[in-house]
PDB file of N, CA and C in Angstrom:
ATOM      1  N   MET A   1      82.848 152.280 123.429  1.00  0.00           N
ATOM      2  CA  MET A   1      83.123 151.265 122.671  1.00  0.00           C
ATOM      3  C   MET A   1      81.483 150.492 123.137  1.00  0.00           C
ATOM      4  N   ASP A   2      80.481 150.744 123.425  1.00  0.00           N
ATOM      5  CA  ASP A   2      78.383 150.438 123.767  1.00  0.00           C
ATOM      6  C   ASP A   2      78.608 150.714 122.179  1.00  0.00           C
ATOM      7  N   ASP A   3      78.777 152.184 122.026  1.00  0.00           N
ATOM      8  CA  ASP A   3      77.860 151.950 120.755  1.00  0.00           C
ATOM      9  C   ASP A   3      77.297 150.960 119.874  1.00  0.00           C
ATOM     10  N   ASP A   4      78.982 149.725 119.662  1.00  0.00           N
ATOM     11  CA  ASP A   4      78.025 149.056 118.740  1.00  0.00           C
ATOM     12  C   ASP A   4      78.883 148.237 118.833  1.00  0.00           C
ATOM     13  N   LEU A   5      78.831 147.827 119.985  1.00  0.00           N
ATOM     14  CA  LEU A   5      78.972 146.762 121.095  1.00  0.00           C
ATOM     15  C   LEU A   5      78.932 144.731 120.807  1.00  0.00           C
ATOM     16  N   PRO A   6      78.102 144.212 119.919  1.00  0.00           N
ATOM     17  CA  PRO A   6      77.449 143.491 119.085  1.00  0.00           C
ATOM     18  C   PRO A   6      79.146 143.281 118.166  1.00  0.00           C
ATOM     19  N   GLY A   7      78.741 145.086 117.002  1.00  0.00           N
ATOM     20  CA  GLY A   7      79.508 144.349 116.094  1.00  0.00           C
ATOM     21  C   GLY A   7      80.936 144.264 116.613  1.00  0.00           C
ATOM     22  N   THR A   8      81.430 145.328 117.811  1.00  0.00           N
ATOM     23  CA  THR A   8      82.873 144.965 118.437  1.00  0.00           C
ATOM     24  C   THR A   8      82.965 143.617 119.140  1.00  0.00           C
ATOM     25  N   ILE A   9      82.208 142.973 119.238  1.00  0.00           N
ATOM     26  CA  ILE A   9      81.965 141.973 119.397  1.00  0.00           C
ATOM     27  C   ILE A   9      82.426 140.471 118.729  1.00  0.00           C
ATOM     28  N   TYR A  10      82.024 141.362 117.885  1.00  0.00           N
ATOM     29  CA  TYR A  10      81.812 139.947 116.853  1.00  0.00           C
ATOM     30  C   TYR A  10      83.125 139.696 115.706  1.00  0.00           C
ATOM     31  N   ASP A  11      83.757 141.599 116.148  1.00  0.00           N
ATOM     32  CA  ASP A  11      85.137 141.531 115.749  1.00  0.00           C
ATOM     33  C   ASP A  11      86.804 140.981 116.299  1.00  0.00           C
ATOM     34  N   ILE A  12      86.833 141.061 117.436  1.00  0.00           N
ATOM     35  CA  ILE A  12      86.584 140.595 118.808  1.00  0.00           C
ATOM     36  C   ILE A  12      86.938 138.781 118.476  1.00  0.00           C
ATOM     37  N   ILE A  13      85.879 138.092 117.417  1.00  0.00           N
ATOM     38  CA  ILE A  13      85.737 136.889 118.190  1.00  0.00           C
ATOM     39  C   ILE A  13      85.928 136.089 115.661  1.00  0.00           C
ATOM     40  N   ARG A  14      85.596 136.976 115.402  1.00  0.00           N
ATOM     41  CA  ARG A  14      85.792 136.310 113.883  1.00  0.00           C
ATOM     42  C   ARG A  14      87.318 136.151 113.558  1.00  0.00           C
ATOM     43  N   SER A  15      88.127 136.571 113.683  1.00  0.00           N
ATOM     44  CA  SER A  15      88.910 135.743 113.336  1.00  0.00           C
ATOM     45  C   SER A  15      90.066 134.839 114.028  1.00  0.00           C
ATOM     46  N   ILE A  16      89.079 134.137 114.912  1.00  0.00           N
ATOM     47  CA  ILE A  16      89.584 132.668 115.263  1.00  0.00           C
ATOM     48  C   ILE A  16      89.396 131.782 114.512  1.00  0.00           C
ATOM     49  N   ARG A  17      90.867 131.191 114.724  1.00  0.00           N
ATOM     50  CA  ARG A  17      91.101 130.615 113.483  1.00  0.00           C
ATOM     51  C   ARG A  17      90.474 128.313 114.201  1.00  0.00           C
ATOM     52  N   ASP A  18      89.628 128.303 112.950  1.00  0.00           N
ATOM     53  CA  ASP A  18      89.732 126.684 113.413  1.00  0.00           C
ATOM     54  C   ASP A  18      90.332 125.838 113.831  1.00  0.00           C
ATOM     55  N   PRO A  19      89.939 125.015 114.436  1.00  0.00           N
ATOM     56  CA  PRO A  19      91.623 123.988 115.114  1.00  0.00           C
ATOM     57  C   PRO A  19      91.280 122.966 113.916  1.00  0.00           C
ATOM     58  N   GLU A  20      91.508 122.428 113.376  1.00  0.00           N
ATOM     59  CA  GLU A  20      90.820 121.506 112.375  1.00  0.00           C
ATOM     60  C   GLU A  20      92.035 122.433 110.467  1.00  0.00           C
ATOM     61  N   LYS A  21      91.269 123.575 109.963  1.00  0.00           N
ATOM     62  CA  LYS A  21      91.289 124.052 109.169  1.00  0.00           C
ATOM     63  C   LYS A  21      91.897 124.966 109.214  1.00  0.00           C
ATOM     64  N   PRO A  22      92.296 125.490 107.735  1.00  0.00           N
ATOM     65  CA  PRO A  22      92.965 126.752 107.419  1.00  0.00           C
ATOM     66  C   PRO A  22      92.004 127.798 106.867  1.00  0.00           C
ATOM     67  N   ALA A  23      91.185 128.372 108.078  1.00  0.00           N
ATOM     68  CA  ALA A  23      90.616 129.584 108.116  1.00  0.00           C
ATOM     69  C   ALA A  23      89.580 130.602 109.333  1.00  0.00           C
ATOM     70  N   SER A  24      89.347 131.026 109.256  1.00  0.00           N
ATOM     71  CA  SER A  24      88.995 131.346 110.661  1.00  0.00           C
ATOM     72  C   SER A  24      86.818 131.198 110.197  1.00  0.00           C
ATOM     73  N   LEU A  25      86.922 132.072 111.640  1.00  0.00           N
ATOM     74  CA  LEU A  25      85.833 131.146 112.316  1.00  0.00           C
ATOM     75  C   LEU A  25      84.550 131.528 111.370  1.00  0.00           C
ATOM     76  N   GLU A  26      84.746 133.051 110.718  1.00  0.00           N
ATOM     77  CA  GLU A  26      84.102 133.456 110.416  1.00  0.00           C
ATOM     78  C   GLU A  26      84.235 132.700 109.120  1.00  0.00           C
ATOM     79  N   ASP A  27      85.548 132.257 108.282  1.00  0.00           N
ATOM     80  CA  ASP A  27      85.416 132.362 106.173  1.00  0.00           C
ATOM     81  C   ASP A  27      84.081 130.909 106.758  1.00  0.00           C
ATOM     82  N   LEU A  28      84.236 130.006 108.049  1.00  0.00           N
ATOM     83  CA  LEU A  28      83.525 128.828 107.588  1.00  0.00           C
ATOM     84  C   LEU A  28      81.276 129.194 108.835  1.00  0.00           C
ATOM     85  N   ASN A  29      81.741 130.562 108.487  1.00  0.00           N
ATOM     86  CA  ASN A  29      80.029 130.919 108.927  1.00  0.00           C
ATOM     87  C   ASN A  29      80.411 130.587 110.512  1.00  0.00           C
ATOM     88  N   VAL A  30      80.747 129.371 111.052  1.00  0.00           N
ATOM     89  CA  VAL A  30      81.120 128.881 112.693  1.00  0.00           C
ATOM     90  C   VAL A  30      80.300 130.441 113.596  1.00  0.00           C
ATOM     91  N   VAL A  31      80.991 131.490 113.164  1.00  0.00           N
ATOM     92  CA  VAL A  31      80.256 132.757 114.192  1.00  0.00           C
ATOM     93  C   VAL A  31      80.065 133.210 112.745  1.00  0.00           C
ATOM     94  N   TYR A  32      79.169 134.156 113.320  1.00  0.00           N
ATOM     95  CA  TYR A  32      78.220 135.217 112.121  1.00  0.00           C
ATOM     96  C   TYR A  32      77.919 136.947 113.312  1.00  0.00           C
ATOM     97  N   GLU A  33      77.530 137.273 113.106  1.00  0.00           N
ATOM     98  CA  GLU A  33      76.824 138.578 113.776  1.00  0.00           C
ATOM     99  C   GLU A  33      75.845 138.726 114.394  1.00  0.00           C
ATOM    100  N   GLU A  34      74.781 137.715 113.656  1.00  0.00           N
ATOM    101  CA  GLU A  34      73.690 137.641 114.000  1.00  0.00           C
ATOM    102  C   GLU A  34      73.356 136.647 115.330  1.00  0.00           C
ATOM    103  N   GLY A  35      74.998 136.438 115.642  1.00  0.00           N
ATOM    104  CA  GLY A  35      74.121 135.678 117.007  1.00  0.00           C
ATOM    105  C   GLY A  35      75.219 135.502 118.307  1.00  0.00           C
ATOM    106  N   VAL A  36      76.070 137.344 117.445  1.00  0.00           N
ATOM    107  CA  VAL A  36      76.016 137.897 118.992  1.00  0.00           C
ATOM    108  C   VAL A  36      75.062 139.327 119.475  1.00  0.00           C
ATOM    109  N   LYS A  37      74.346 138.240 120.956  1.00  0.00           N
ATOM    110  CA  LYS A  37      73.337 139.370 121.215  1.00  0.00           C
ATOM    111  C   LYS A  37      74.345 140.388 122.656  1.00  0.00           C
ATOM    112  N   VAL A  38      73.371 140.752 122.900  1.00  0.00           N
ATOM    113  CA  VAL A  38      74.288 142.558 124.316  1.00  0.00           C
ATOM    114  C   VAL A  38      72.629 142.942 124.931  1.00  0.00           C
ATOM    115  N   GLU A  39      73.069 142.269 126.135  1.00  0.00           N
ATOM    116  CA  GLU A  39      71.718 143.177 126.999  1.00  0.00           C
ATOM    117  C   GLU A  39      73.625 143.627 128.375  1.00  0.00           C
ATOM    118  N   HIS A  40      72.826 145.020 128.697  1.00  0.00           N
ATOM    119  CA  HIS A  40      73.005 145.891 128.902  1.00  0.00           C
ATOM    120  C   HIS A  40      71.709 145.721 130.562  1.00  0.00           C
ATOM    121  N   LEU A  41      72.952 146.000 130.821  1.00  0.00           N
ATOM    122  CA  LEU A  41      72.462 145.820 132.854  1.00  0.00           C
ATOM    123  C   LEU A  41      72.508 147.277 133.468  1.00  0.00           C
ATOM    124  N   ASP A  42      72.275 147.038 134.756  1.00  0.00           N
ATOM    125  CA  ASP A  42      72.763 148.506 135.458  1.00  0.00           C
ATOM    126  C   ASP A  42      74.105 148.196 135.721  1.00  0.00           C
ATOM    127  N   ASN A  43      74.932 149.703 136.225  1.00  0.00           N
ATOM    128  CA  ASN A  43      76.158 149.760 136.147  1.00  0.00           C
ATOM    129  C   ASN A  43      77.642 149.484 135.307  1.00  0.00           C
ATOM    130  N   HIS A  44      76.934 149.891 134.752  1.00  0.00           N
ATOM    131  CA  HIS A  44      77.685 149.160 134.135  1.00  0.00           C
ATOM    132  C   HIS A  44      78.442 148.107 133.001  1.00  0.00           C
ATOM    133  N   GLN A  45      77.854 147.190 133.725  1.00  0.00           N
ATOM    134  CA  GLN A  45      77.893 145.821 132.924  1.00  0.00           C
ATOM    135  C   GLN A  45      76.602 145.459 132.592  1.00  0.00           C
ATOM    136  N   CYS A  46      76.986 144.594 130.892  1.00  0.00           N
ATOM    137  CA  CYS A  46      76.592 143.712 129.712  1.00  0.00           C
ATOM    138  C   CYS A  46      76.840 142.424 130.620  1.00  0.00           C
ATOM    139  N   TYR A  47      75.818 141.612 130.007  1.00  0.00           N
ATOM    140  CA  TYR A  47      75.463 140.329 129.462  1.00  0.00           C
ATOM    141  C   TYR A  47      75.195 139.215 127.795  1.00  0.00           C
ATOM    142  N   ILE A  48      76.770 139.090 127.980  1.00  0.00           N
ATOM    143  CA  ILE A  48      76.887 138.550 126.248  1.00  0.00           C
ATOM    144  C   ILE A  48      75.970 137.809 125.525  1.00  0.00           C
ATOM    145  N   LYS A  49      75.537 137.320 124.720  1.00  0.00           N
ATOM    146  CA  LYS A  49      75.488 136.038 124.534  1.00  0.00           C
ATOM    147  C   LYS A  49      75.847 135.579 123.305  1.00  0.00           C
ATOM    148  N   VAL A  50      77.072 135.019 123.112  1.00  0.00           N
ATOM    149  CA  VAL A  50      77.318 134.200 121.731  1.00  0.00           C
ATOM    150  C   VAL A  50      77.018 133.198 121.295  1.00  0.00           C
ATOM    151  N   PHE A  51      76.429 133.198 119.763  1.00  0.00           N
ATOM    152  CA  PHE A  51      75.694 131.907 119.715  1.00  0.00           C
ATOM    153  C   PHE A  51      76.750 130.978 117.873  1.00  0.00           C
ATOM    154  N   PHE A  52      77.133 129.994 118.714  1.00  0.00           N
ATOM    155  CA  PHE A  52      77.853 129.644 117.226  1.00  0.00           C
ATOM    156  C   PHE A  52      77.949 128.350 115.867  1.00  0.00           C
ATOM    157  N   LYS A  53      77.999 128.376 115.726  1.00  0.00           N
ATOM    158  CA  LYS A  53      77.690 126.802 114.673  1.00  0.00           C
ATOM    159  C   LYS A  53      78.373 126.097 114.151  1.00  0.00           C
ATOM    160  N   PRO A  54      78.654 125.453 114.927  1.00  0.00           N
ATOM    161  CA  PRO A  54      80.126 123.809 114.479  1.00  0.00           C
ATOM    162  C   PRO A  54      79.782 123.691 112.507  1.00  0.00           C
ATOM    163  N   THR A  55      80.642 123.542 112.098  1.00  0.00           N
ATOM    164  CA  THR A  55      80.340 122.544 110.745  1.00  0.00           C
ATOM    165  C   THR A  55      79.630 121.400 110.407  1.00  0.00           C
ATOM    166  N   ILE A  56      79.684 120.981 111.100  1.00  0.00           N
ATOM    167  CA  ILE A  56      79.133 119.729 111.269  1.00  0.00           C
ATOM    168  C   ILE A  56      78.154 119.606 112.020  1.00  0.00           C
ATOM    169  N   LYS A  57      77.016 118.371 112.730  1.00  0.00           N
ATOM    170  CA  LYS A  57      76.212 117.916 113.592  1.00  0.00           C
ATOM    171  C   LYS A  57      76.657 117.390 114.678  1.00  0.00           C
ATOM    172  N   HIS A  58      78.330 116.941 114.143  1.00  0.00           N
ATOM    173  CA  HIS A  58      78.587 115.785 115.227  1.00  0.00           C
ATOM    174  C   HIS A  58      80.357 116.296 114.976  1.00  0.00           C
ATOM    175  N   CYS A  59      80.728 117.471 115.173  1.00  0.00           N
ATOM    176  CA  CYS A  59      81.584 118.642 115.458  1.00  0.00           C
ATOM    177  C   CYS A  59      82.442 117.908 117.209  1.00  0.00           C
ATOM    178  N   SER A  60      83.712 117.177 117.058  1.00  0.00           N
ATOM    179  CA  SER A  60      84.046 117.168 117.751  1.00  0.00           C
ATOM    180  C   SER A  60      84.708 117.957 118.614  1.00  0.00           C
ATOM    181  N   LEU A  61      85.390 119.336 118.292  1.00  0.00           N
ATOM    182  CA  LEU A  61      86.062 119.874 118.376  1.00  0.00           C
ATOM    183  C   LEU A  61      85.085 121.628 118.619  1.00  0.00           C
ATOM    184  N   ALA A  62      83.756 121.196 118.793  1.00  0.00           N
ATOM    185  CA  ALA A  62      82.727 122.502 118.790  1.00  0.00           C
ATOM    186  C   ALA A  62      83.572 123.049 121.008  1.00  0.00           C
ATOM    187  N   THR A  63      83.817 121.595 121.415  1.00  0.00           N
ATOM    188  CA  THR A  63      83.977 122.771 123.298  1.00  0.00           C
ATOM    189  C   THR A  63      85.038 123.500 122.983  1.00  0.00           C
ATOM    190  N   LEU A  64      86.522 123.069 122.808  1.00  0.00           N
ATOM    191  CA  LEU A  64      87.674 123.648 122.129  1.00  0.00           C
ATOM    192  C   LEU A  64      87.313 124.789 121.542  1.00  0.00           C
ATOM    193  N   ILE A  65      85.873 125.303 120.455  1.00  0.00           N
ATOM    194  CA  ILE A  65      85.293 126.640 119.562  1.00  0.00           C
ATOM    195  C   ILE A  65      84.940 127.739 120.697  1.00  0.00           C
ATOM    196  N   GLY A  66      83.993 126.719 121.290  1.00  0.00           N
ATOM    197  CA  GLY A  66      83.817 126.909 122.210  1.00  0.00           C
ATOM    198  C   GLY A  66      84.515 128.549 123.501  1.00  0.00           C
ATOM    199  N   LEU A  67      85.426 126.854 123.895  1.00  0.00           N
ATOM    200  CA  LEU A  67      85.894 127.677 124.643  1.00  0.00           C
ATOM    201  C   LEU A  67      87.936 129.008 124.617  1.00  0.00           C
ATOM    202  N   CYS A  68      87.499 128.686 122.878  1.00  0.00           N
ATOM    203  CA  CYS A  68      88.781 129.267 122.111  1.00  0.00           C
ATOM    204  C   CYS A  68      87.636 130.877 122.487  1.00  0.00           C
ATOM    205  N   ILE A  69      86.631 131.031 122.094  1.00  0.00           N
ATOM    206  CA  ILE A  69      85.509 132.549 122.206  1.00  0.00           C
ATOM    207  C   ILE A  69      85.660 133.006 123.899  1.00  0.00           C
ATOM    208  N   HIS A  70      84.882 132.168 124.249  1.00  0.00           N
ATOM    209  CA  HIS A  70      85.108 132.359 125.728  1.00  0.00           C
ATOM    210  C   HIS A  70      86.330 133.442 126.399  1.00  0.00           C
ATOM    211  N   VAL A  71      87.452 132.235 126.077  1.00  0.00           N
ATOM    212  CA  VAL A  71      88.685 133.403 125.976  1.00  0.00           C
ATOM    213  C   VAL A  71      89.076 134.339 125.583  1.00  0.00           C
ATOM    214  N   LYS A  72      88.840 134.735 124.456  1.00  0.00           N
ATOM    215  CA  LYS A  72      89.360 136.083 123.400  1.00  0.00           C
ATOM    216  C   LYS A  72      88.368 136.578 124.584  1.00  0.00           C
ATOM    217  N   LEU A  73      87.120 136.561 124.562  1.00  0.00           N
ATOM    218  CA  LEU A  73      86.743 137.503 124.955  1.00  0.00           C
ATOM    219  C   LEU A  73      87.145 137.659 125.954  1.00  0.00           C
ATOM    220  N   GLN A  74      87.506 136.992 126.964  1.00  0.00           N
ATOM    221  CA  GLN A  74      87.766 137.364 128.245  1.00  0.00           C
ATOM    222  C   GLN A  74      88.918 138.133 128.530  1.00  0.00           C
ATOM    223  N   ARG A  75      89.876 138.274 127.788  1.00  0.00           N
ATOM    224  CA  ARG A  75      90.575 138.799 127.820  1.00  0.00           C
ATOM    225  C   ARG A  75      90.435 140.285 126.067  1.00  0.00           C
ATOM    226  N   ASN A  76      89.745 140.558 126.498  1.00  0.00           N
ATOM    227  CA  ASN A  76      89.766 142.318 125.332  1.00  0.00           C
ATOM    228  C   ASN A  76      88.278 142.721 126.052  1.00  0.00           C
ATOM    229  N   LEU A  77      87.392 142.162 126.865  1.00  0.00           N
ATOM    230  CA  LEU A  77      86.251 142.495 127.236  1.00  0.00           C
ATOM    231  C   LEU A  77      86.684 143.603 128.537  1.00  0.00           C
ATOM    232  N   PRO A  78      85.693 144.023 128.926  1.00  0.00           N
ATOM    233  CA  PRO A  78      86.237 144.646 130.341  1.00  0.00           C
ATOM    234  C   PRO A  78      85.094 143.282 131.330  1.00  0.00           C
ATOM    235  N   SER A  79      85.769 143.294 132.789  1.00  0.00           N
ATOM    236  CA  SER A  79      85.033 142.207 133.830  1.00  0.00           C
ATOM    237  C   SER A  79      84.212 142.342 134.322  1.00  0.00           C
ATOM    238  N   THR A  80      83.543 143.930 133.622  1.00  0.00           N
ATOM    239  CA  THR A  80      81.927 143.882 134.545  1.00  0.00           C
ATOM    240  C   THR A  80      81.288 142.990 133.331  1.00  0.00           C
ATOM    241  N   TYR A  81      81.628 142.465 132.130  1.00  0.00           N
ATOM    242  CA  TYR A  81      81.445 141.863 131.307  1.00  0.00           C
ATOM    243  C   TYR A  81      81.053 140.353 131.827  1.00  0.00           C
ATOM    244  N   LYS A  82      79.456 139.956 131.884  1.00  0.00           N
ATOM    245  CA  LYS A  82      79.647 138.747 131.838  1.00  0.00           C
ATOM    246  C   LYS A  82      79.232 137.627 130.179  1.00  0.00           C
ATOM    247  N   VAL A  83      80.265 137.522 130.040  1.00  0.00           N
ATOM    248  CA  VAL A  83      79.915 136.701 128.405  1.00  0.00           C
ATOM    249  C   VAL A  83      79.455 134.610 128.980  1.00  0.00           C
ATOM    250  N   SER A  84      78.833 134.592 127.535  1.00  0.00           N
ATOM    251  CA  SER A  84      78.154 133.064 127.376  1.00  0.00           C
ATOM    252  C   SER A  84      78.614 132.837 126.417  1.00  0.00           C
ATOM    253  N   VAL A  85      78.436 131.429 125.758  1.00  0.00           N
ATOM    254  CA  VAL A  85      78.387 130.401 124.715  1.00  0.00           C
ATOM    255  C   VAL A  85      77.961 129.449 124.539  1.00  0.00           C
ATOM    256  N   PHE A  86      77.801 129.969 123.405  1.00  0.00           N
ATOM    257  CA  PHE A  86      76.498 128.601 123.320  1.00  0.00           C
ATOM    258  C   PHE A  86      76.781 128.283 121.798  1.00  0.00           C
ATOM    259  N   ILE A  87      76.011 126.525 121.718  1.00  0.00           N
ATOM    260  CA  ILE A  87      75.671 126.141 120.038  1.00  0.00           C
ATOM    261  C   ILE A  87      74.821 126.972 119.727  1.00  0.00           C
ATOM    262  N   LYS A  88      74.209 127.192 118.249  1.00  0.00           N
ATOM    263  CA  LYS A  88      73.359 127.073 118.049  1.00  0.00           C
ATOM    264  C   LYS A  88      72.344 126.174 117.801  1.00  0.00           C
ATOM    265  N   GLU A  89      70.923 126.481 118.564  1.00  0.00           N
ATOM    266  CA  GLU A  89      69.979 125.792 118.795  1.00  0.00           C
ATOM    267  C   GLU A  89      69.522 124.715 117.745  1.00  0.00           C
ATOM    268  N   GLY A  90      70.041 123.368 117.774  1.00  0.00           N
ATOM    269  CA  GLY A  90      69.293 122.277 116.861  1.00  0.00           C
ATOM    270  C   GLY A  90      70.793 122.248 115.475  1.00  0.00           C
ATOM    271  N   SER A  91      71.995 123.265 116.131  1.00  0.00           N
ATOM    272  CA  SER A  91      72.816 122.526 114.567  1.00  0.00           C
ATOM    273  C   SER A  91      73.728 121.532 115.044  1.00  0.00           C
ATOM    274  N   HIS A  92      74.306 120.784 116.794  1.00  0.00           N
ATOM    275  CA  HIS A  92      75.104 119.456 116.960  1.00  0.00           C
ATOM    276  C   HIS A  92      74.355 118.530 118.021  1.00  0.00           C
ATOM    277  N   ASN A  93      74.926 117.433 117.805  1.00  0.00           N
ATOM    278  CA  ASN A  93      74.283 116.835 117.884  1.00  0.00           C
ATOM    279  C   ASN A  93      74.332 116.625 119.222  1.00  0.00           C
ATOM    280  N   THR A  94      75.046 117.385 120.331  1.00  0.00           N
ATOM    281  CA  THR A  94      74.865 117.108 121.985  1.00  0.00           C
ATOM    282  C   THR A  94      74.786 118.323 122.419  1.00  0.00           C
ATOM    283  N   GLU A  95      74.614 119.635 121.888  1.00  0.00           N
ATOM    284  CA  GLU A  95      74.528 120.922 122.578  1.00  0.00           C
ATOM    285  C   GLU A  95      74.252 121.026 123.461  1.00  0.00           C
ATOM    286  N   GLN A  96      73.415 120.289 124.352  1.00  0.00           N
ATOM    287  CA  GLN A  96      73.438 120.577 126.215  1.00  0.00           C
ATOM    288  C   GLN A  96      74.301 120.168 126.486  1.00  0.00           C
ATOM    289  N   GLU A  97      75.235 119.450 126.429  1.00  0.00           N
ATOM    290  CA  GLU A  97      76.292 119.177 127.414  1.00  0.00           C
ATOM    291  C   GLU A  97      77.319 119.829 126.514  1.00  0.00           C
ATOM    292  N   VAL A  98      77.540 120.135 125.143  1.00  0.00           N
ATOM    293  CA  VAL A  98      78.801 120.695 125.705  1.00  0.00           C
ATOM    294  C   VAL A  98      78.295 122.032 126.196  1.00  0.00           C
ATOM    295  N   ASN A  99      77.698 122.174 125.758  1.00  0.00           N
ATOM    296  CA  ASN A  99      76.803 125.055 126.167  1.00  0.00           C
ATOM    297  C   ASN A  99      77.099 124.231 128.218  1.00  0.00           C
ATOM    298  N   LYS A 100      76.577 123.405 128.822  1.00  0.00           N
ATOM    299  CA  LYS A 100      77.167 123.008 129.597  1.00  0.00           C
ATOM    300  C   LYS A 100      78.118 123.227 130.009  1.00  0.00           C
ATOM    301  N   GLN A 101      79.001 122.074 128.984  1.00  0.00           N
ATOM    302  CA  GLN A 101      80.772 122.614 129.441  1.00  0.00           C
ATOM    303  C   GLN A 101      81.256 123.875 129.172  1.00  0.00           C
ATOM    304  N   ILE A 102      81.745 124.126 128.016  1.00  0.00           N
ATOM    305  CA  ILE A 102      81.947 125.950 127.619  1.00  0.00           C
ATOM    306  C   ILE A 102      80.913 126.388 128.447  1.00  0.00           C
ATOM    307  N   ASN A 103      80.130 127.404 129.337  1.00  0.00           N
ATOM    308  CA  ASN A 103      80.200 127.903 129.920  1.00  0.00           C
ATOM    309  C   ASN A 103      80.321 127.467 131.827  1.00  0.00           C
ATOM    310  N   ASP A 104      81.262 126.545 132.135  1.00  0.00           N
ATOM    311  CA  ASP A 104      81.303 126.596 133.471  1.00  0.00           C
ATOM    312  C   ASP A 104      82.556 126.979 133.534  1.00  0.00           C
ATOM    313  N   LYS A 105      82.816 127.556 134.598  1.00  0.00           N
ATOM    314  CA  LYS A 105      83.949 128.433 135.240  1.00  0.00           C
ATOM    315  C   LYS A 105      85.558 127.249 135.376  1.00  0.00           C
ATOM    316  N   GLU A 106      85.044 126.140 136.165  1.00  0.00           N
ATOM    317  CA  GLU A 106      85.927 126.029 136.923  1.00  0.00           C
ATOM    318  C   GLU A 106      86.456 124.935 135.672  1.00  0.00           C
ATOM    319  N   ARG A 107      85.227 124.487 134.871  1.00  0.00           N
ATOM    320  CA  ARG A 107      85.662 123.968 133.512  1.00  0.00           C
ATOM    321  C   ARG A 107      87.016 124.260 132.437  1.00  0.00           C
ATOM    322  N   ILE A 108      86.195 125.445 132.397  1.00  0.00           N
ATOM    323  CA  ILE A 108      86.956 126.087 131.681  1.00  0.00           C
ATOM    324  C   ILE A 108      88.223 127.306 132.048  1.00  0.00           C
ATOM    325  N   SER A 109      88.766 127.126 133.672  1.00  0.00           N
ATOM    326  CA  SER A 109      89.967 127.375 134.423  1.00  0.00           C
ATOM    327  C   SER A 109      90.804 125.673 133.993  1.00  0.00           C
ATOM    328  N   ALA A 110      90.512 124.569 134.472  1.00  0.00           N
ATOM    329  CA  ALA A 110      90.853 123.872 134.208  1.00  0.00           C
ATOM    330  C   ALA A 110      91.808 122.994 133.156  1.00  0.00           C
ATOM    331  N   ALA A 111      90.583 123.278 132.015  1.00  0.00           N
ATOM    332  CA  ALA A 111      91.077 123.190 130.418  1.00  0.00           C
ATOM    333  C   ALA A 111      92.541 124.799 130.241  1.00  0.00           C
ATOM    334  N   MET A 112      92.982 125.445 130.954  1.00  0.00           N
ATOM    335  CA  MET A 112      93.384 126.112 130.653  1.00  0.00           C
ATOM    336  C   MET A 112      94.615 126.399 131.083  1.00  0.00           C
ATOM    337  N   GLU A 113      94.715 125.117 132.735  1.00  0.00           N
ATOM    338  CA  GLU A 113      95.972 124.428 132.750  1.00  0.00           C
ATOM    339  C   GLU A 113      96.403 124.076 132.650  1.00  0.00           C
ATOM    340  N   ASN A 114      95.728 122.857 131.612  1.00  0.00           N
ATOM    341  CA  ASN A 114      96.484 122.121 130.622  1.00  0.00           C
ATOM    342  C   ASN A 114      97.229 122.297 129.289  1.00  0.00           C
ATOM    343  N   PRO A 115      98.187 122.116 129.873  1.00  0.00           N
ATOM    344  CA  PRO A 115      99.316 122.974 128.498  1.00  0.00           C
ATOM    345  C   PRO A 115      98.856 122.193 127.062  1.00  0.00           C
ATOM    346  N   ASN A 116      98.581 121.654 127.004  1.00  0.00           N
ATOM    347  CA  ASN A 116      98.104 120.495 125.654  1.00  0.00           C
ATOM    348  C   ASN A 116      97.401 121.555 125.028  1.00  0.00           C
ATOM    349  N   LEU A 117      96.006 121.789 125.802  1.00  0.00           N
ATOM    350  CA  LEU A 117      94.811 122.998 124.967  1.00  0.00           C
ATOM    351  C   LEU A 117      95.433 124.006 125.406  1.00  0.00           C
ATOM    352  N   ARG A 118      96.311 124.253 126.483  1.00  0.00           N
ATOM    353  CA  ARG A 118      96.682 126.067 126.441  1.00  0.00           C
ATOM    354  C   ARG A 118      97.480 126.509 124.197  1.00  0.00           C
ATOM    355  N   ARG A 119      97.979 125.351 124.553  1.00  0.00           N
ATOM    356  CA  ARG A 119      99.017 125.813 123.176  1.00  0.00           C
ATOM    357  C   ARG A 119      97.534 125.935 122.691  1.00  0.00           C
ATOM    358  N   VAL A 120      97.004 125.049 122.600  1.00  0.00           N
ATOM    359  CA  VAL A 120      95.799 124.719 120.996  1.00  0.00           C
ATOM    360  C   VAL A 120      95.032 126.266 120.724  1.00  0.00           C
ATOM    361  N   VAL A 121      94.382 126.609 122.458  1.00  0.00           N
ATOM    362  CA  VAL A 121      93.761 127.767 122.327  1.00  0.00           C
ATOM    363  C   VAL A 121      94.640 129.187 122.201  1.00  0.00           C
ATOM    364  N   GLU A 122      95.508 129.234 122.170  1.00  0.00           N
ATOM    365  CA  GLU A 122      96.494 130.426 121.886  1.00  0.00           C
ATOM    366  C   GLU A 122      96.533 130.251 120.488  1.00  0.00           C
ATOM    367  N   ILE A 123      97.206 129.742 119.917  1.00  0.00           N
ATOM    368  CA  ILE A 123      97.073 129.526 118.525  1.00  0.00           C
ATOM    369  C   ILE A 123      96.066 129.890 117.981  1.00  0.00           C
ATOM    370  N   CYS A 124      94.633 129.368 118.214  1.00  0.00           N
ATOM    371  CA  CYS A 124      93.197 129.540 117.526  1.00  0.00           C
ATOM    372  C   CYS A 124      93.271 130.997 117.828  1.00  0.00           C
ATOM    373  N   ILE A 125      93.738 131.868 119.273  1.00  0.00           N
ATOM    374  CA  ILE A 125      93.204 133.255 119.305  1.00  0.00           C
ATOM    375  C   ILE A 125      94.032 134.180 118.990  1.00  0.00           C
ATOM    376  N   GLU A 126      95.091 133.589 118.264  1.00  0.00           N
ATOM    377  CA  GLU A 126      96.669 134.624 118.232  1.00  0.00           C
ATOM    378  C   GLU A 126      96.239 135.596 116.808  1.00  0.00           C
ATOM    379  N   GLU A 127      95.986 136.814 116.984  1.00  0.00           N
ATOM    380  CA  GLU A 127      95.473 137.685 116.061  1.00  0.00           C
ATOM    381  C   GLU A 127      96.154 136.977 114.783  1.00  0.00           C
ATOM    382  N   PRO A 128      96.039 137.300 113.687  1.00  0.00           N
ATOM    383  CA  PRO A 128      96.854 137.043 112.500  1.00  0.00           C
ATOM    384  C   PRO A 128      97.510 138.657 112.265  1.00  0.00           C
ATOM    385  N   VAL A 129      98.931 138.135 111.860  1.00  0.00           N
ATOM    386  CA  VAL A 129     100.007 139.502 111.499  1.00  0.00           C
ATOM    387  C   VAL A 129      99.578 139.562 110.151  1.00  0.00           C
TER     388      VAL A 129
END
């Protein structure tokens, strides 16, 4: 997996569906290969940063999109990999607040305990057939 880890990570997230539109995050240019950064640490650990760009600066679903990216990566990568998800700088009106929310482990856990939110995330991250 390490040979092209950024490419592998991008392949995992590119098929995530947009919560509103009938398209993938890749189709909408919300996620992009250059937005995946990998820092190799000691003991086979990695720090992964994924930057995404909402389609509009006032996107109300940016937090949900970030949650989908987080959940899909957590399910598909080794537990020794630390994942952070960020809105690309300058691409959202409340990027600092959203970045804080989507990287807070307790908020992620609480969000996934909400049955309605969990159902939406599961639909968005389901692999296309």
